[in-house]
Each structure stands twice: as structure tokens, then as C-alpha cells.
Amino acid sequence: MSESDIRRASLADIRRMKDRNELFHDPNAPEGESLDAEFWAKAKIEGPKRPRSVHLKLDPDVFEFFHQQAGGKGHLTKMQAVLKAYVTAHKNP
């Protein structure tokens, strides 16, 4: 799902939609997968992983490339996405 497919609504928006009968629930929708006791016995709680702050020196041409690609704002996020894609591509299966 792409970012453009995601719709965001506040609780107030959802309540207004409910009041206008714009929300739809299909009572004939299939049931989801049942999670049995074996699943819950093996389940583990994992806390969120916090990003690590680092100081990074970049060549000026590398910095400028990402800065221009992002239109100025968001260049660090773009760099993070490239590094994450690299890690994913090089992880052992």
C-alpha cells in the first residue's frame, strides 16, 4: 500500500461519518484467523526499537544529491530509506 492510498481521519471525523451513515460494516464478512492458546503461549512482547542518533560526515556531493532529491526538507529521511533498502537487500535469507 502506498502512502497515497492511506487515508487519515481524526476521531471527530469518524464520529461525523458515523452520524451521516457513511461508515459501512458488512455483517457477512468472513471471520479472521483464530489465534489459539498455542499462539499466545509462544507470543512475546517486543518494545519499539529506538533510532540511534549518530554523527555522520558526508562528502558534499552526496549531501547535495539527497538535499536536492528531497527538495530541501526530508533529505535525512531519504538517506535513511536508501540505507534501509541496502540493508534489506544484503541481509542473509
PDB file of N, CA and C in Angstrom:
ATOM      1  N   MET A   1       0.849  -1.172   0.000  1.00  0.00           N
ATOM      2  CA  MET A   1       0.000   0.000   0.000  1.00  0.00           C
ATOM      3  C   MET A   1       0.890   1.228   0.000  1.00  0.00           C
ATOM      4  N   SER A   2       0.618   2.141  -0.872  1.00  0.00           N
ATOM      5  CA  SER A   2       1.439   3.341  -0.942  1.00  0.00           C
ATOM      6  C   SER A   2       0.894   4.413  -0.006  1.00  0.00           C
ATOM      7  N   GLU A   3       1.719   5.400   0.259  1.00  0.00           N
ATOM      8  CA  GLU A   3       1.327   6.491   1.153  1.00  0.00           C
ATOM      9  C   GLU A   3       0.079   7.197   0.638  1.00  0.00           C
ATOM     10  N   SER A   4      -0.080   7.293  -0.692  1.00  0.00           N
ATOM     11  CA  SER A   4      -1.249   7.987  -1.248  1.00  0.00           C
ATOM     12  C   SER A   4      -2.531   7.186  -1.045  1.00  0.00           C
ATOM     13  N   ASP A   5      -2.429   5.873  -0.760  1.00  0.00           N
ATOM     14  CA  ASP A   5      -3.606   5.046  -0.514  1.00  0.00           C
ATOM     15  C   ASP A   5      -4.116   5.165   0.918  1.00  0.00           C
ATOM     16  N   ILE A   6      -3.288   5.697   1.796  1.00  0.00           N
ATOM     17  CA  ILE A   6      -3.646   5.761   3.202  1.00  0.00           C
ATOM     18  C   ILE A   6      -4.494   7.014   3.449  1.00  0.00           C
ATOM     19  N   ARG A   7      -5.626   6.792   4.089  1.00  0.00           N
ATOM     20  CA  ARG A   7      -6.484   7.923   4.445  1.00  0.00           C
ATOM     21  C   ARG A   7      -6.426   8.106   5.949  1.00  0.00           C
ATOM     22  N   ARG A   8      -6.302   9.332   6.392  1.00  0.00           N
ATOM     23  CA  ARG A   8      -6.221   9.610   7.812  1.00  0.00           C
ATOM     24  C   ARG A   8      -7.489  10.359   8.238  1.00  0.00           C
ATOM     25  N   ALA A   9      -8.017   9.970   9.384  1.00  0.00           N
ATOM     26  CA  ALA A   9      -9.204  10.626   9.908  1.00  0.00           C
ATOM     27  C   ALA A   9      -9.066  10.749  11.415  1.00  0.00           C
ATOM     28  N   SER A  10      -9.505  11.876  11.934  1.00  0.00           N
ATOM     29  CA  SER A  10      -9.489  12.055  13.379  1.00  0.00           C
ATOM     30  C   SER A  10     -10.713  11.349  13.964  1.00  0.00           C
ATOM     31  N   LEU A  11     -10.732  11.211  15.274  1.00  0.00           N
ATOM     32  CA  LEU A  11     -11.888  10.605  15.932  1.00  0.00           C
ATOM     33  C   LEU A  11     -13.142  11.427  15.643  1.00  0.00           C
ATOM     34  N   ALA A  12     -13.001  12.747  15.622  1.00  0.00           N
ATOM     35  CA  ALA A  12     -14.148  13.609  15.315  1.00  0.00           C
ATOM     36  C   ALA A  12     -14.647  13.364  13.890  1.00  0.00           C
ATOM     37  N   ASP A  13     -13.709  13.179  12.941  1.00  0.00           N
ATOM     38  CA  ASP A  13     -14.099  12.870  11.558  1.00  0.00           C
ATOM     39  C   ASP A  13     -14.882  11.569  11.493  1.00  0.00           C
ATOM     40  N   ILE A  14     -14.417  10.565  12.199  1.00  0.00           N
ATOM     41  CA  ILE A  14     -15.085   9.254  12.190  1.00  0.00           C
ATOM     42  C   ILE A  14     -16.472   9.359  12.812  1.00  0.00           C
ATOM     43  N   ARG A  15     -16.590  10.122  13.888  1.00  0.00           N
ATOM     44  CA  ARG A  15     -17.918  10.295  14.508  1.00  0.00           C
ATOM     45  C   ARG A  15     -18.878  10.999  13.561  1.00  0.00           C
ATOM     46  N   ARG A  16     -18.388  12.022  12.834  1.00  0.00           N
ATOM     47  CA  ARG A  16     -19.246  12.707  11.854  1.00  0.00           C
ATOM     48  C   ARG A  16     -19.666  11.743  10.742  1.00  0.00           C
ATOM     49  N   MET A  17     -18.743  10.913  10.287  1.00  0.00           N
ATOM     50  CA  MET A  17     -19.070   9.931   9.245  1.00  0.00           C
ATOM     51  C   MET A  17     -20.125   8.951   9.759  1.00  0.00           C
ATOM     52  N   LYS A  18     -20.003   8.552  11.019  1.00  0.00           N
ATOM     53  CA  LYS A  18     -20.980   7.630  11.606  1.00  0.00           C
ATOM     54  C   LYS A  18     -22.353   8.295  11.686  1.00  0.00           C
ATOM     55  N   ASP A  19     -22.372   9.560  12.106  1.00  0.00           N
ATOM     56  CA  ASP A  19     -23.641  10.291  12.204  1.00  0.00           C
ATOM     57  C   ASP A  19     -24.314  10.440  10.846  1.00  0.00           C
ATOM     58  N   ARG A  20     -23.524  10.540   9.771  1.00  0.00           N
ATOM     59  CA  ARG A  20     -24.080  10.692   8.414  1.00  0.00           C
ATOM     60  C   ARG A  20     -24.291   9.331   7.735  1.00  0.00           C
ATOM     61  N   ASN A  21     -24.134   8.235   8.512  1.00  0.00           N
ATOM     62  CA  ASN A  21     -24.285   6.872   7.981  1.00  0.00           C
ATOM     63  C   ASN A  21     -23.351   6.606   6.804  1.00  0.00           C
ATOM     64  N   GLU A  22     -22.122   7.132   6.873  1.00  0.00           N
ATOM     65  CA  GLU A  22     -21.148   6.931   5.809  1.00  0.00           C
ATOM     66  C   GLU A  22     -20.216   5.756   6.090  1.00  0.00           C
ATOM     67  N   LEU A  23     -20.293   5.196   7.281  1.00  0.00           N
ATOM     68  CA  LEU A  23     -19.460   4.042   7.607  1.00  0.00           C
ATOM     69  C   LEU A  23     -20.233   2.775   7.258  1.00  0.00           C
ATOM     70  N   PHE A  24     -19.535   1.803   6.707  1.00  0.00           N
ATOM     71  CA  PHE A  24     -20.184   0.573   6.278  1.00  0.00           C
ATOM     72  C   PHE A  24     -19.542  -0.614   6.960  1.00  0.00           C
ATOM     73  N   HIS A  25     -20.376  -1.472   7.500  1.00  0.00           N
ATOM     74  CA  HIS A  25     -19.908  -2.722   8.097  1.00  0.00           C
ATOM     75  C   HIS A  25     -20.658  -3.858   7.422  1.00  0.00           C
ATOM     76  N   ASP A  26     -19.922  -4.805   6.871  1.00  0.00           N
ATOM     77  CA  ASP A  26     -20.537  -5.950   6.204  1.00  0.00           C
ATOM     78  C   ASP A  26     -20.708  -7.071   7.227  1.00  0.00           C
ATOM     79  N   PRO A  27     -21.940  -7.344   7.661  1.00  0.00           N
ATOM     80  CA  PRO A  27     -22.141  -8.412   8.649  1.00  0.00           C
ATOM     81  C   PRO A  27     -21.827  -9.797   8.086  1.00  0.00           C
ATOM     82  N   ASN A  28     -21.725  -9.923   6.757  1.00  0.00           N
ATOM     83  CA  ASN A  28     -21.419 -11.203   6.127  1.00  0.00           C
ATOM     84  C   ASN A  28     -19.928 -11.366   5.834  1.00  0.00           C
ATOM     85  N   ALA A  29     -19.112 -10.457   6.329  1.00  0.00           N
ATOM     86  CA  ALA A  29     -17.667 -10.545   6.101  1.00  0.00           C
ATOM     87  C   ALA A  29     -17.133 -11.807   6.781  1.00  0.00           C
ATOM     88  N   PRO A  30     -16.150 -12.472   6.153  1.00  0.00           N
ATOM     89  CA  PRO A  30     -15.626 -13.705   6.755  1.00  0.00           C
ATOM     90  C   PRO A  30     -14.882 -13.404   8.057  1.00  0.00           C
ATOM     91  N   GLU A  31     -14.905 -14.382   8.951  1.00  0.00           N
ATOM     92  CA  GLU A  31     -14.192 -14.257  10.216  1.00  0.00           C
ATOM     93  C   GLU A  31     -12.694 -14.295   9.958  1.00  0.00           C
ATOM     94  N   GLY A  32     -11.940 -13.592  10.766  1.00  0.00           N
ATOM     95  CA  GLY A  32     -10.493 -13.629  10.659  1.00  0.00           C
ATOM     96  C   GLY A  32      -9.939 -14.908  11.275  1.00  0.00           C
ATOM     97  N   GLU A  33      -8.651 -15.115  11.116  1.00  0.00           N
ATOM     98  CA  GLU A  33      -7.997 -16.304  11.656  1.00  0.00           C
ATOM     99  C   GLU A  33      -8.061 -16.271  13.171  1.00  0.00           C
ATOM    100  N   SER A  34      -8.392 -17.406  13.765  1.00  0.00           N
ATOM    101  CA  SER A  34      -8.467 -17.507  15.214  1.00  0.00           C
ATOM    102  C   SER A  34      -7.067 -17.750  15.776  1.00  0.00           C
ATOM    103  N   LEU A  35      -6.727 -17.066  16.832  1.00  0.00           N
ATOM    104  CA  LEU A  35      -5.427 -17.242  17.475  1.00  0.00           C
ATOM    105  C   LEU A  35      -5.638 -18.099  18.709  1.00  0.00           C
ATOM    106  N   ASP A  36      -5.139 -19.337  18.647  1.00  0.00           N
ATOM    107  CA  ASP A  36      -5.379 -20.300  19.715  1.00  0.00           C
ATOM    108  C   ASP A  36      -4.395 -20.132  20.871  1.00  0.00           C
ATOM    109  N   ALA A  37      -4.546 -20.994  21.878  1.00  0.00           N
ATOM    110  CA  ALA A  37      -3.709 -20.918  23.081  1.00  0.00           C
ATOM    111  C   ALA A  37      -2.235 -21.153  22.753  1.00  0.00           C
ATOM    112  N   GLU A  38      -1.954 -22.009  21.767  1.00  0.00           N
ATOM    113  CA  GLU A  38      -0.560 -22.276  21.386  1.00  0.00           C
ATOM    114  C   GLU A  38       0.117 -21.008  20.874  1.00  0.00           C
ATOM    115  N   PHE A  39      -0.620 -20.227  20.077  1.00  0.00           N
ATOM    116  CA  PHE A  39      -0.080 -18.960  19.583  1.00  0.00           C
ATOM    117  C   PHE A  39       0.282 -18.056  20.760  1.00  0.00           C
ATOM    118  N   TRP A  40      -0.646 -17.882  21.698  1.00  0.00           N
ATOM    119  CA  TRP A  40      -0.422 -16.970  22.815  1.00  0.00           C
ATOM    120  C   TRP A  40       0.662 -17.478  23.755  1.00  0.00           C
ATOM    121  N   ALA A  41       0.853 -18.803  23.841  1.00  0.00           N
ATOM    122  CA  ALA A  41       1.917 -19.354  24.685  1.00  0.00           C
ATOM    123  C   ALA A  41       3.292 -19.001  24.127  1.00  0.00           C
ATOM    124  N   LYS A  42       3.392 -18.886  22.801  1.00  0.00           N
ATOM    125  CA  LYS A  42       4.663 -18.563  22.162  1.00  0.00           C
ATOM    126  C   LYS A  42       4.861 -17.065  21.936  1.00  0.00           C
ATOM    127  N   ALA A  43       3.808 -16.292  22.123  1.00  0.00           N
ATOM    128  CA  ALA A  43       3.867 -14.852  21.835  1.00  0.00           C
ATOM    129  C   ALA A  43       4.820 -14.142  22.793  1.00  0.00           C
ATOM    130  N   LYS A  44       5.561 -13.186  22.256  1.00  0.00           N
ATOM    131  CA  LYS A  44       6.493 -12.395  23.066  1.00  0.00           C
ATOM    132  C   LYS A  44       6.210 -10.916  22.826  1.00  0.00           C
ATOM    133  N   ILE A  45       6.325 -10.152  23.870  1.00  0.00           N
ATOM    134  CA  ILE A  45       6.143  -8.712  23.747  1.00  0.00           C
ATOM    135  C   ILE A  45       7.490  -8.097  23.398  1.00  0.00           C
ATOM    136  N   GLU A  46       7.507  -7.321  22.332  1.00  0.00           N
ATOM    137  CA  GLU A  46       8.722  -6.609  21.941  1.00  0.00           C
ATOM    138  C   GLU A  46       8.428  -5.120  21.966  1.00  0.00           C
ATOM    139  N   GLY A  47       9.256  -4.394  22.653  1.00  0.00           N
ATOM    140  CA  GLY A  47       9.097  -2.949  22.674  1.00  0.00           C
ATOM    141  C   GLY A  47       9.602  -2.348  21.375  1.00  0.00           C
ATOM    142  N   PRO A  48       9.221  -1.115  21.113  1.00  0.00           N
ATOM    143  CA  PRO A  48       9.685  -0.472  19.884  1.00  0.00           C
ATOM    144  C   PRO A  48      11.192  -0.246  19.928  1.00  0.00           C
ATOM    145  N   LYS A  49      11.808  -0.368  18.776  1.00  0.00           N
ATOM    146  CA  LYS A  49      13.245  -0.109  18.683  1.00  0.00           C
ATOM    147  C   LYS A  49      13.434   1.382  18.467  1.00  0.00           C
ATOM    148  N   ARG A  50      14.268   1.959  19.289  1.00  0.00           N
ATOM    149  CA  ARG A  50      14.508   3.392  19.191  1.00  0.00           C
ATOM    150  C   ARG A  50      15.632   3.664  18.209  1.00  0.00           C
ATOM    151  N   PRO A  51      15.460   4.654  17.361  1.00  0.00           N
ATOM    152  CA  PRO A  51      16.541   5.001  16.435  1.00  0.00           C
ATOM    153  C   PRO A  51      17.779   5.453  17.209  1.00  0.00           C
ATOM    154  N   ARG A  52      18.926   5.199  16.648  1.00  0.00           N
ATOM    155  CA  ARG A  52      20.181   5.598  17.264  1.00  0.00           C
ATOM    156  C   ARG A  52      20.668   6.875  16.586  1.00  0.00           C
ATOM    157  N   SER A  53      20.993   7.851  17.370  1.00  0.00           N
ATOM    158  CA  SER A  53      21.496   9.106  16.840  1.00  0.00           C
ATOM    159  C   SER A  53      22.997   8.968  16.597  1.00  0.00           C
ATOM    160  N   VAL A  54      23.438   9.359  15.391  1.00  0.00           N
ATOM    161  CA  VAL A  54      24.857   9.270  15.056  1.00  0.00           C
ATOM    162  C   VAL A  54      25.310  10.569  14.402  1.00  0.00           C
ATOM    163  N   HIS A  55      26.590  10.818  14.509  1.00  0.00           N
ATOM    164  CA  HIS A  55      27.204  11.934  13.800  1.00  0.00           C
ATOM    165  C   HIS A  55      27.849  11.343  12.560  1.00  0.00           C
ATOM    166  N   LEU A  56      27.521  11.869  11.398  1.00  0.00           N
ATOM    167  CA  LEU A  56      27.979  11.285  10.151  1.00  0.00           C
ATOM    168  C   LEU A  56      28.556  12.372   9.258  1.00  0.00           C
ATOM    169  N   LYS A  57      29.775  12.161   8.806  1.00  0.00           N
ATOM    170  CA  LYS A  57      30.380  13.096   7.855  1.00  0.00           C
ATOM    171  C   LYS A  57      30.134  12.575   6.449  1.00  0.00           C
ATOM    172  N   LEU A  58      29.609  13.418   5.591  1.00  0.00           N
ATOM    173  CA  LEU A  58      29.313  13.039   4.211  1.00  0.00           C
ATOM    174  C   LEU A  58      30.101  13.902   3.249  1.00  0.00           C
ATOM    175  N   ASP A  59      30.426  13.336   2.105  1.00  0.00           N
ATOM    176  CA  ASP A  59      31.025  14.148   1.046  1.00  0.00           C
ATOM    177  C   ASP A  59      29.987  15.172   0.611  1.00  0.00           C
ATOM    178  N   PRO A  60      30.426  16.380   0.281  1.00  0.00           N
ATOM    179  CA  PRO A  60      29.480  17.423  -0.104  1.00  0.00           C
ATOM    180  C   PRO A  60      28.569  17.017  -1.272  1.00  0.00           C
ATOM    181  N   ASP A  61      29.100  16.278  -2.250  1.00  0.00           N
ATOM    182  CA  ASP A  61      28.277  15.889  -3.398  1.00  0.00           C
ATOM    183  C   ASP A  61      27.183  14.895  -2.988  1.00  0.00           C
ATOM    184  N   VAL A  62      27.459  14.029  -2.026  1.00  0.00           N
ATOM    185  CA  VAL A  62      26.451  13.085  -1.538  1.00  0.00           C
ATOM    186  C   VAL A  62      25.350  13.851  -0.816  1.00  0.00           C
ATOM    187  N   PHE A  63      25.748  14.760   0.064  1.00  0.00           N
ATOM    188  CA  PHE A  63      24.768  15.555   0.798  1.00  0.00           C
ATOM    189  C   PHE A  63      23.892  16.359  -0.166  1.00  0.00           C
ATOM    190  N   GLU A  64      24.510  17.024  -1.118  1.00  0.00           N
ATOM    191  CA  GLU A  64      23.765  17.848  -2.077  1.00  0.00           C
ATOM    192  C   GLU A  64      22.797  17.015  -2.906  1.00  0.00           C
ATOM    193  N   PHE A  65      23.212  15.823  -3.292  1.00  0.00           N
ATOM    194  CA  PHE A  65      22.339  14.950  -4.071  1.00  0.00           C
ATOM    195  C   PHE A  65      21.039  14.684  -3.311  1.00  0.00           C
ATOM    196  N   PHE A  66      21.145  14.234  -2.061  1.00  0.00           N
ATOM    197  CA  PHE A  66      19.952  13.921  -1.279  1.00  0.00           C
ATOM    198  C   PHE A  66      19.156  15.171  -0.942  1.00  0.00           C
ATOM    199  N   HIS A  67      19.843  16.258  -0.691  1.00  0.00           N
ATOM    200  CA  HIS A  67      19.166  17.520  -0.379  1.00  0.00           C
ATOM    201  C   HIS A  67      18.328  17.972  -1.575  1.00  0.00           C
ATOM    202  N   GLN A  68      18.878  17.860  -2.777  1.00  0.00           N
ATOM    203  CA  GLN A  68      18.149  18.242  -3.990  1.00  0.00           C
ATOM    204  C   GLN A  68      17.025  17.263  -4.288  1.00  0.00           C
ATOM    205  N   GLN A  69      17.284  15.963  -4.097  1.00  0.00           N
ATOM    206  CA  GLN A  69      16.258  14.950  -4.347  1.00  0.00           C
ATOM    207  C   GLN A  69      15.030  15.173  -3.464  1.00  0.00           C
ATOM    208  N   ALA A  70      15.270  15.585  -2.247  1.00  0.00           N
ATOM    209  CA  ALA A  70      14.175  15.780  -1.297  1.00  0.00           C
ATOM    210  C   ALA A  70      13.586  17.181  -1.373  1.00  0.00           C
ATOM    211  N   GLY A  71      14.123  18.018  -2.212  1.00  0.00           N
ATOM    212  CA  GLY A  71      13.610  19.382  -2.284  1.00  0.00           C
ATOM    213  C   GLY A  71      13.951  20.192  -1.054  1.00  0.00           C
ATOM    214  N   GLY A  72      15.037  19.845  -0.388  1.00  0.00           N
ATOM    215  CA  GLY A  72      15.484  20.595   0.784  1.00  0.00           C
ATOM    216  C   GLY A  72      15.096  19.929   2.077  1.00  0.00           C
ATOM    217  N   LYS A  73      13.802  19.721   2.287  1.00  0.00           N
ATOM    218  CA  LYS A  73      13.341  19.142   3.544  1.00  0.00           C
ATOM    219  C   LYS A  73      13.118  17.647   3.356  1.00  0.00           C
ATOM    220  N   GLY A  74      13.544  16.838   4.317  1.00  0.00           N
ATOM    221  CA  GLY A  74      13.345  15.403   4.245  1.00  0.00           C
ATOM    222  C   GLY A  74      14.529  14.638   3.691  1.00  0.00           C
ATOM    223  N   HIS A  75      15.658  15.326   3.516  1.00  0.00           N
ATOM    224  CA  HIS A  75      16.822  14.651   2.943  1.00  0.00           C
ATOM    225  C   HIS A  75      17.372  13.565   3.864  1.00  0.00           C
ATOM    226  N   LEU A  76      17.294  13.752   5.171  1.00  0.00           N
ATOM    227  CA  LEU A  76      17.776  12.727   6.088  1.00  0.00           C
ATOM    228  C   LEU A  76      16.881  11.487   6.047  1.00  0.00           C
ATOM    229  N   THR A  77      15.588  11.701   5.907  1.00  0.00           N
ATOM    230  CA  THR A  77      14.654  10.582   5.782  1.00  0.00           C
ATOM    231  C   THR A  77      14.932   9.806   4.511  1.00  0.00           C
ATOM    232  N   LYS A  78      15.246  10.514   3.433  1.00  0.00           N
ATOM    233  CA  LYS A  78      15.567   9.858   2.162  1.00  0.00           C
ATOM    234  C   LYS A  78      16.856   9.053   2.294  1.00  0.00           C
ATOM    235  N   MET A  79      17.853   9.602   2.979  1.00  0.00           N
ATOM    236  CA  MET A  79      19.097   8.868   3.206  1.00  0.00           C
ATOM    237  C   MET A  79      18.820   7.600   4.011  1.00  0.00           C
ATOM    238  N   GLN A  80      17.991   7.718   5.037  1.00  0.00           N
ATOM    239  CA  GLN A  80      17.627   6.570   5.868  1.00  0.00           C
ATOM    240  C   GLN A  80      16.944   5.492   5.024  1.00  0.00           C
ATOM    241  N   ALA A  81      16.066   5.886   4.122  1.00  0.00           N
ATOM    242  CA  ALA A  81      15.363   4.928   3.266  1.00  0.00           C
ATOM    243  C   ALA A  81      16.339   4.184   2.358  1.00  0.00           C
ATOM    244  N   VAL A  82      17.321   4.892   1.812  1.00  0.00           N
ATOM    245  CA  VAL A  82      18.318   4.259   0.949  1.00  0.00           C
ATOM    246  C   VAL A  82      19.160   3.269   1.754  1.00  0.00           C
ATOM    247  N   LEU A  83      19.583   3.658   2.936  1.00  0.00           N
ATOM    248  CA  LEU A  83      20.384   2.761   3.771  1.00  0.00           C
ATOM    249  C   LEU A  83      19.577   1.536   4.199  1.00  0.00           C
ATOM    250  N   LYS A  84      18.311   1.733   4.528  1.00  0.00           N
ATOM    251  CA  LYS A  84      17.463   0.619   4.926  1.00  0.00           C
ATOM    252  C   LYS A  84      17.265  -0.350   3.767  1.00  0.00           C
ATOM    253  N   ALA A  85      17.075   0.174   2.547  1.00  0.00           N
ATOM    254  CA  ALA A  85      16.913  -0.683   1.369  1.00  0.00           C
ATOM    255  C   ALA A  85      18.186  -1.478   1.123  1.00  0.00           C
ATOM    256  N   TYR A  86      19.329  -0.873   1.330  1.00  0.00           N
ATOM    257  CA  TYR A  86      20.619  -1.552   1.161  1.00  0.00           C
ATOM    258  C   TYR A  86      20.727  -2.707   2.170  1.00  0.00           C
ATOM    259  N   VAL A  87      20.399  -2.431   3.407  1.00  0.00           N
ATOM    260  CA  VAL A  87      20.468  -3.471   4.451  1.00  0.00           C
ATOM    261  C   VAL A  87      19.524  -4.626   4.104  1.00  0.00           C
ATOM    262  N   THR A  88      18.316  -4.319   3.721  1.00  0.00           N
ATOM    263  CA  THR A  88      17.335  -5.347   3.364  1.00  0.00           C
ATOM    264  C   THR A  88      17.843  -6.202   2.203  1.00  0.00           C
ATOM    265  N   ALA A  89      18.431  -5.570   1.202  1.00  0.00           N
ATOM    266  CA  ALA A  89      18.921  -6.292   0.044  1.00  0.00           C
ATOM    267  C   ALA A  89      20.115  -7.186   0.365  1.00  0.00           C
ATOM    268  N   HIS A  90      20.866  -6.856   1.401  1.00  0.00           N
ATOM    269  CA  HIS A  90      22.086  -7.595   1.716  1.00  0.00           C
ATOM    270  C   HIS A  90      21.978  -8.502   2.939  1.00  0.00           C
ATOM    271  N   LYS A  91      20.793  -8.594   3.540  1.00  0.00           N
ATOM    272  CA  LYS A  91      20.626  -9.495   4.683  1.00  0.00           C
ATOM    273  C   LYS A  91      20.653 -10.931   4.204  1.00  0.00           C
ATOM    274  N   ASN A  92      21.159 -11.809   5.049  1.00  0.00           N
ATOM    275  CA  ASN A  92      21.149 -13.238   4.712  1.00  0.00           C
ATOM    276  C   ASN A  92      19.729 -13.756   4.797  1.00  0.00           C
ATOM    277  N   PRO A  93      19.331 -14.622   3.851  1.00  0.00           N
ATOM    278  CA  PRO A  93      17.947 -15.143   3.874  1.00  0.00           C
ATOM    279  C   PRO A  93      17.690 -16.051   5.048  1.00  0.00           C
TER     280      PRO A  93
END
